[in-house]
């Protein structure tokens, strides 16, 4: 038996199921005056329902109530990365050192979780559009003792193309002031814990299929064109509240890069 329903304040990000329609989705909108909620399912479809009884959370019945209004919250004591928050401090003038990441999605994820820390440290993150031309980017940047470069690479595993490029760069004349680290995931999407998005594991995509498109297809998400892929990424990034929603493998690598480029 499911037991008696308990009151549950509606909250953005809460996943519920409306029992009469079996519509399951994340709360993406709350109207206190109309006493309604808007749910978005895994295919990004949205429906509006009234607050009240008739909902399930992880199989248990709940009565959705209006969010509790509270006084302005105390200032955060931690940043999204888990660091101690430092308030009323101006962003540092950008250092000459940089962190390079492969693509826009990598840069947006790093900004969301480590953005506060990076601004205080004066570290700029740039995306490259892939690592095939990494050596040329580094030679143009001219790394040095005060111009260190940290590079975050996707799929940095033994025998991969990315691994061979990294080894070549580190042996080159620019490698002395460069640190290249990576994670084992094919794409940074996989660094987001799948449970945060409502499924148990990222799907296995055949090599013959472009990974992001195949991932969306296997998850039942729209995947026809780049607009659908961008929408999928927005949904994934929206599920990230902070470091707790990322795989520890990525967390350690980014922290390592920040330490490297900020070392005096």
Protein backbone atom coordinates (compact mmCIF):
# COMPACT_ATOMS: atom_id res chain seq x y z
CA UNK A 1 0.00 0.00 0.00
CA UNK A 2 1.16 3.50 -0.75
CA UNK A 3 -0.09 4.97 2.53
CA UNK A 4 -1.71 8.29 3.28
CA UNK A 5 -0.80 11.31 1.21
CA UNK A 6 1.54 13.84 2.79
CA UNK A 7 1.69 17.53 2.03
CA UNK A 8 4.65 18.53 -0.13
CA UNK A 9 5.43 22.13 -1.14
CA UNK A 10 5.85 22.40 -4.91
CA UNK A 11 9.44 23.18 -5.86
CA UNK A 12 11.13 23.85 -9.17
CA UNK A 13 13.04 20.72 -10.16
CA UNK A 14 10.86 18.30 -8.19
CA UNK A 15 9.83 15.25 -10.26
CA UNK A 16 6.22 14.15 -9.73
CA UNK A 17 3.59 11.99 -11.42
CA UNK A 18 -0.01 13.13 -11.87
CA UNK A 19 -2.00 9.98 -11.11
CA UNK A 20 -5.10 10.48 -13.28
CA UNK A 21 -3.12 11.03 -16.49
CA UNK A 22 0.10 9.23 -15.42
CA UNK A 23 1.96 12.29 -16.67
CA UNK A 24 5.40 12.30 -15.06
CA UNK A 25 7.72 15.25 -15.24
CA UNK A 26 9.82 17.87 -13.55
CA UNK A 27 8.15 20.96 -12.11
CA UNK A 28 9.37 23.83 -14.29
CA UNK A 29 6.75 26.44 -13.40
CA UNK A 30 4.67 27.39 -10.37
CA UNK A 31 1.84 29.93 -10.33
CA UNK A 32 0.97 30.76 -6.73
CA UNK A 33 -2.04 32.89 -7.65
CA UNK A 34 -3.66 30.30 -9.93
CA UNK A 35 -2.36 27.47 -7.74
CA UNK A 36 -1.03 25.52 -10.71
CA UNK A 37 2.19 23.76 -11.61
CA UNK A 38 3.73 23.10 -15.02
CA UNK A 39 5.39 19.73 -15.60
CA UNK A 40 7.94 18.98 -18.32
CA UNK A 41 8.44 15.34 -19.29
CA UNK A 42 11.54 13.67 -20.72
CA UNK A 43 10.53 14.68 -24.26
CA UNK A 44 10.31 18.34 -23.16
CA UNK A 45 6.50 18.35 -23.49
CA UNK A 46 4.74 20.51 -20.93
CA UNK A 47 1.36 20.37 -19.22
CA UNK A 48 -0.20 22.46 -16.47
CA UNK A 49 -2.03 20.89 -13.53
CA UNK A 50 -3.71 22.24 -10.39
CA UNK A 51 -1.95 21.94 -7.08
CA UNK A 52 -3.48 19.65 -4.51
CA UNK A 53 -3.90 15.89 -4.14
CA UNK A 54 -3.37 13.30 -6.85
CA UNK A 55 0.40 13.22 -7.22
CA UNK A 56 3.12 10.67 -6.59
CA UNK A 57 6.76 11.20 -5.71
CA UNK A 58 8.79 8.02 -6.12
CA UNK A 59 5.56 6.05 -5.77
CA UNK A 60 4.36 7.76 -2.58
CA UNK A 61 1.19 9.91 -2.65
CA UNK A 62 1.56 13.60 -1.93
CA UNK A 63 -0.58 16.70 -1.81
CA UNK A 64 1.21 19.50 -3.61
CA UNK A 65 0.92 22.83 -1.83
CA UNK A 66 2.12 26.32 -2.70
CA UNK A 67 5.80 26.95 -1.96
CA UNK A 68 6.42 28.38 1.47
CA UNK A 69 7.34 32.04 1.27
CA UNK A 70 10.28 32.86 3.44
CA UNK A 71 12.41 35.87 4.10
CA UNK A 72 15.30 36.54 1.79
CA UNK A 73 17.66 33.60 2.17
CA UNK A 74 20.95 33.96 3.92
CA UNK A 75 23.83 34.48 1.59
CA UNK A 76 25.27 31.25 0.30
CA UNK A 77 28.19 29.92 2.30
CA UNK A 78 29.37 27.67 -0.53
CA UNK A 79 29.79 28.12 -4.25
CA UNK A 80 28.43 25.58 -6.73
CA UNK A 81 31.85 23.91 -6.69
CA UNK A 82 31.70 23.43 -2.92
CA UNK A 83 34.27 26.13 -2.16
CA UNK A 84 33.75 28.63 0.64
CA UNK A 85 31.78 31.56 -0.83
CA UNK A 86 33.52 34.93 -0.71
CA UNK A 87 31.09 37.84 -0.86
CA UNK A 88 31.57 41.47 -1.90
CA UNK A 89 34.87 40.76 -3.62
CA UNK A 90 35.42 42.13 -7.09
CA UNK A 91 36.46 39.73 -9.80
CA UNK A 92 40.22 39.70 -10.22
CA UNK A 93 41.70 41.15 -13.38
CA UNK A 94 42.14 38.23 -15.75
CA UNK A 95 45.40 36.37 -15.43
CA UNK A 96 47.47 35.67 -18.49
CA UNK A 97 47.07 31.96 -17.78
CA UNK A 98 44.12 30.15 -19.35
CA UNK A 99 42.07 26.98 -19.20
CA UNK A 100 41.21 25.50 -22.59
CA UNK A 101 38.30 23.11 -23.00
CA UNK A 102 37.17 21.27 -26.11
CA UNK A 103 33.75 22.73 -26.78
CA UNK A 104 31.02 25.14 -25.81
CA UNK A 105 29.20 22.61 -23.63
CA UNK A 106 32.38 21.94 -21.63
CA UNK A 107 32.83 25.68 -21.11
CA UNK A 108 29.22 26.19 -20.02
CA UNK A 109 29.39 23.34 -17.52
CA UNK A 110 32.67 24.61 -16.05
CA UNK A 111 31.19 28.10 -15.80
CA UNK A 112 28.06 26.88 -14.03
CA UNK A 113 29.93 24.94 -11.36
CA UNK A 114 33.24 26.80 -11.03
CA UNK A 115 32.34 30.25 -12.38
CA UNK A 116 32.43 32.04 -9.01
CA UNK A 117 35.81 30.53 -8.17
CA UNK A 118 37.27 31.35 -11.57
CA UNK A 119 36.20 34.99 -11.43
CA UNK A 120 37.79 35.46 -8.02
CA UNK A 121 40.98 33.84 -9.29
CA UNK A 122 40.90 35.78 -12.58
CA UNK A 123 40.98 32.66 -14.74
CA UNK A 124 39.45 32.74 -18.22
CA UNK A 125 38.07 29.57 -19.83
CA UNK A 126 38.20 29.30 -23.62
CA UNK A 127 36.75 26.59 -25.83
CA UNK A 128 38.66 25.29 -28.83
CA UNK A 129 36.14 23.45 -30.97
CA UNK A 130 38.02 20.15 -30.56
CA UNK A 131 41.61 19.20 -29.80
CA UNK A 132 42.87 18.34 -33.28
CA UNK A 133 44.53 21.76 -33.54
CA UNK A 134 45.59 22.00 -29.89
CA UNK A 135 49.29 22.29 -30.68
CA UNK A 136 48.68 25.21 -33.04
CA UNK A 137 46.49 26.99 -30.44
CA UNK A 138 49.20 26.61 -27.82
CA UNK A 139 51.98 27.86 -30.08
CA UNK A 140 49.87 30.91 -30.90
CA UNK A 141 49.22 31.52 -27.19
CA UNK A 142 52.93 31.09 -26.27
CA UNK A 143 52.72 29.49 -22.79
CA UNK A 144 55.35 30.51 -20.26
CA UNK A 145 56.00 30.70 -16.50
CA UNK A 146 53.34 33.42 -16.12
CA UNK A 147 51.18 32.19 -19.01
CA UNK A 148 50.31 28.68 -17.97
CA UNK A 149 47.69 26.72 -19.84
CA UNK A 150 45.50 23.96 -18.44
CA UNK A 151 43.63 21.83 -20.97
CA UNK A 152 40.58 19.67 -20.27
CA UNK A 153 40.15 16.91 -22.84
CA UNK A 154 37.21 14.58 -23.46
CA UNK A 155 37.80 10.82 -23.82
CA UNK A 156 41.38 10.93 -22.58
CA UNK A 157 41.91 7.18 -22.34
CA UNK A 158 44.87 5.00 -23.43
CA UNK A 159 45.01 4.54 -27.18
CA UNK A 160 42.50 7.25 -28.05
CA UNK A 161 43.19 10.00 -30.58
CA UNK A 162 42.93 12.53 -27.77
CA UNK A 163 45.56 10.67 -25.75
CA UNK A 164 48.01 10.68 -28.67
CA UNK A 165 47.51 14.42 -29.22
CA UNK A 166 48.05 15.12 -25.51
CA UNK A 167 51.26 13.09 -25.39
CA UNK A 168 52.60 14.84 -28.48
CA UNK A 169 51.92 18.28 -27.02
CA UNK A 170 53.47 17.46 -23.66
CA UNK A 171 56.68 16.30 -25.40
CA UNK A 172 56.85 19.44 -27.55
CA UNK A 173 58.59 22.74 -26.85
CA UNK A 174 55.37 24.26 -25.41
CA UNK A 175 54.63 21.38 -23.05
CA UNK A 176 56.70 22.67 -20.11
CA UNK A 177 54.08 25.19 -19.06
CA UNK A 178 51.02 23.17 -20.08
CA UNK A 179 48.99 20.65 -18.11
CA UNK A 180 46.62 18.39 -20.04
CA UNK A 181 44.12 16.34 -18.06
CA UNK A 182 40.97 14.61 -19.12
CA UNK A 183 38.04 12.43 -18.27
CA UNK A 184 37.11 9.06 -19.77
CA UNK A 185 33.72 10.12 -21.10
CA UNK A 186 33.05 10.36 -24.83
CA UNK A 187 31.38 13.71 -24.22
CA UNK A 188 31.09 16.01 -21.21
CA UNK A 189 27.34 15.25 -21.14
CA UNK A 190 28.23 11.96 -19.49
CA UNK A 191 29.93 13.77 -16.61
CA UNK A 192 26.46 14.76 -15.37
CA UNK A 193 25.06 12.06 -13.11
CA UNK A 194 22.21 10.39 -15.01
CA UNK A 195 20.09 10.01 -11.86
CA UNK A 196 19.78 13.80 -11.74
CA UNK A 197 18.06 13.61 -15.13
CA UNK A 198 15.73 10.76 -14.31
CA UNK A 199 17.49 7.68 -15.72
CA UNK A 200 19.92 5.12 -14.34
CA UNK A 201 22.79 5.25 -16.84
CA UNK A 202 23.85 6.94 -20.04
CA UNK A 203 23.01 4.75 -23.05
CA UNK A 204 25.61 2.89 -25.07
CA UNK A 205 25.64 4.46 -28.53
CA UNK A 206 27.01 2.42 -31.47
CA UNK A 207 30.17 3.94 -32.97
CA UNK A 208 28.40 4.23 -36.31
CA UNK A 209 26.05 6.88 -34.85
CA UNK A 210 27.04 10.41 -33.84
CA UNK A 211 27.13 10.24 -30.05
CA UNK A 212 24.90 13.15 -29.07
CA UNK A 213 22.27 12.35 -31.66
CA UNK A 214 22.34 8.67 -30.72
CA UNK A 215 22.09 9.49 -27.03
CA UNK A 216 19.02 11.64 -27.58
CA UNK A 217 17.47 8.96 -29.76
CA UNK A 218 18.00 6.19 -27.21
CA UNK A 219 16.66 8.37 -24.40
CA UNK A 220 13.54 9.17 -26.43
CA UNK A 221 14.43 12.84 -26.80
CA UNK A 222 13.99 14.84 -30.03
CA UNK A 223 17.16 14.49 -32.12
CA UNK A 224 16.38 15.61 -35.66
CA UNK A 225 18.72 18.59 -35.90
CA UNK A 226 21.14 20.81 -34.02
CA UNK A 227 18.27 22.72 -32.43
CA UNK A 228 17.13 19.49 -30.76
CA UNK A 229 20.68 18.77 -29.59
CA UNK A 230 20.97 22.28 -28.13
CA UNK A 231 17.65 21.83 -26.36
CA UNK A 232 18.83 18.52 -24.94
CA UNK A 233 21.98 20.15 -23.58
CA UNK A 234 19.94 22.95 -22.03
CA UNK A 235 17.87 20.31 -20.26
CA UNK A 236 21.00 18.49 -19.04
CA UNK A 237 22.72 21.67 -17.86
CA UNK A 238 19.52 22.74 -16.12
CA UNK A 239 19.74 19.60 -14.01
CA UNK A 240 23.12 20.61 -12.61
CA UNK A 241 22.87 22.46 -9.31
CA UNK A 242 26.50 22.11 -8.33
CA UNK A 243 29.43 19.75 -7.87
CA UNK A 244 27.21 17.08 -6.29
CA UNK A 245 25.56 16.45 -9.68
CA UNK A 246 28.83 15.72 -11.49
CA UNK A 247 30.94 12.58 -11.66
CA UNK A 248 33.94 12.84 -9.29
CA UNK A 249 36.26 12.08 -12.20
CA UNK A 250 35.50 15.45 -13.77
CA UNK A 251 35.55 17.30 -10.45
CA UNK A 252 39.10 16.24 -9.69
CA UNK A 253 40.41 17.12 -13.12
CA UNK A 254 38.97 20.65 -13.17
CA UNK A 255 40.24 21.38 -9.66
CA UNK A 256 43.68 20.18 -10.78
CA UNK A 257 43.64 22.60 -13.71
CA UNK A 258 42.57 25.55 -11.54
CA UNK A 259 45.41 24.82 -9.09
CA UNK A 260 47.91 24.59 -11.96
CA UNK A 261 47.02 27.90 -13.66
CA UNK A 262 46.77 29.84 -10.37
CA UNK A 263 50.05 28.59 -8.87
CA UNK A 264 52.41 31.45 -8.17
